[in-house]
Protein backbone atom coordinates (compact mmCIF):
# COMPACT_ATOMS: atom_id res chain seq x y z
CA UNK A 1 109.80 100.14 80.86
CA UNK A 2 107.72 101.71 77.97
CA UNK A 3 106.71 104.91 79.99
CA UNK A 4 103.96 102.36 82.54
CA UNK A 5 104.92 103.51 85.75
CA UNK A 6 103.37 100.27 86.96
CA UNK A 7 106.40 96.73 86.38
CA UNK A 8 105.74 93.70 85.81
CA UNK A 9 104.97 91.71 88.93
CA UNK A 10 104.98 87.91 88.76
CA UNK A 11 104.39 86.51 92.22
CA UNK A 12 103.24 87.92 95.19
CA UNK A 13 106.04 88.91 98.20
CA UNK A 14 103.20 87.44 100.49
CA UNK A 15 102.47 83.67 100.11
CA UNK A 16 104.51 83.60 96.54
CA UNK A 17 100.21 84.08 94.46
CA UNK A 18 101.52 84.92 90.74
CA UNK A 19 97.35 85.84 90.84
CA UNK A 20 97.94 89.38 90.95
CA UNK A 21 95.93 92.00 89.55
CA UNK A 22 96.06 95.50 89.78
CA UNK A 23 94.75 97.69 92.30
CA UNK A 24 92.61 100.29 91.29
CA UNK A 25 94.04 103.58 92.56
CA UNK A 26 91.85 105.33 95.43
CA UNK A 27 92.53 107.49 98.67
CA UNK A 28 94.12 104.61 100.64
CA UNK A 29 95.72 102.68 97.70
CA UNK A 30 98.26 104.56 95.75
CA UNK A 31 99.10 104.62 92.26
CA UNK A 32 100.59 100.50 91.28
CA UNK A 33 99.46 98.67 93.24
CA UNK A 34 98.48 95.20 92.86
CA UNK A 35 96.40 93.11 94.71
CA UNK A 36 97.06 89.28 95.22
CA UNK A 37 94.18 86.84 95.08
CA UNK A 38 95.48 84.46 97.23
CA UNK A 39 96.16 86.26 101.01
CA UNK A 40 93.97 89.46 99.58
CA UNK A 41 96.56 91.92 100.03
CA UNK A 42 97.17 95.16 98.11
CA UNK A 43 101.09 96.02 98.37
CA UNK A 44 103.30 97.98 95.91
CA UNK A 45 106.53 97.47 94.80
CA UNK A 46 109.23 100.35 94.71
CA UNK A 47 112.55 100.89 92.87
CA UNK A 48 115.30 101.94 95.28
CA UNK A 49 118.75 102.16 93.24
CA UNK A 50 121.59 100.30 92.67
CA UNK A 51 124.33 99.92 93.88
CA UNK A 52 125.38 100.04 98.44
CA UNK A 53 123.47 101.10 100.11
CA UNK A 54 124.62 104.43 102.17
CA UNK A 55 125.05 103.63 105.80
CA UNK A 56 123.88 106.49 108.86
CA UNK A 57 127.42 106.32 109.50
CA UNK A 58 127.96 103.40 111.19
CA UNK A 59 130.51 101.65 110.76
CA UNK A 60 131.64 98.05 109.92
């Protein structure tokens, strides 16, 4: 990414619609949120990390 805090999202994770628009920042909406015109949801996509996630002490 080129310094932007908003990564490109291609479809809504809830309904699959591709008509997504950047949501305006407000008290309830954090930065980098997206609004879906199909299901009217506002959501944020967050990158957590690369690799195997750590476990909470549980053995597999």
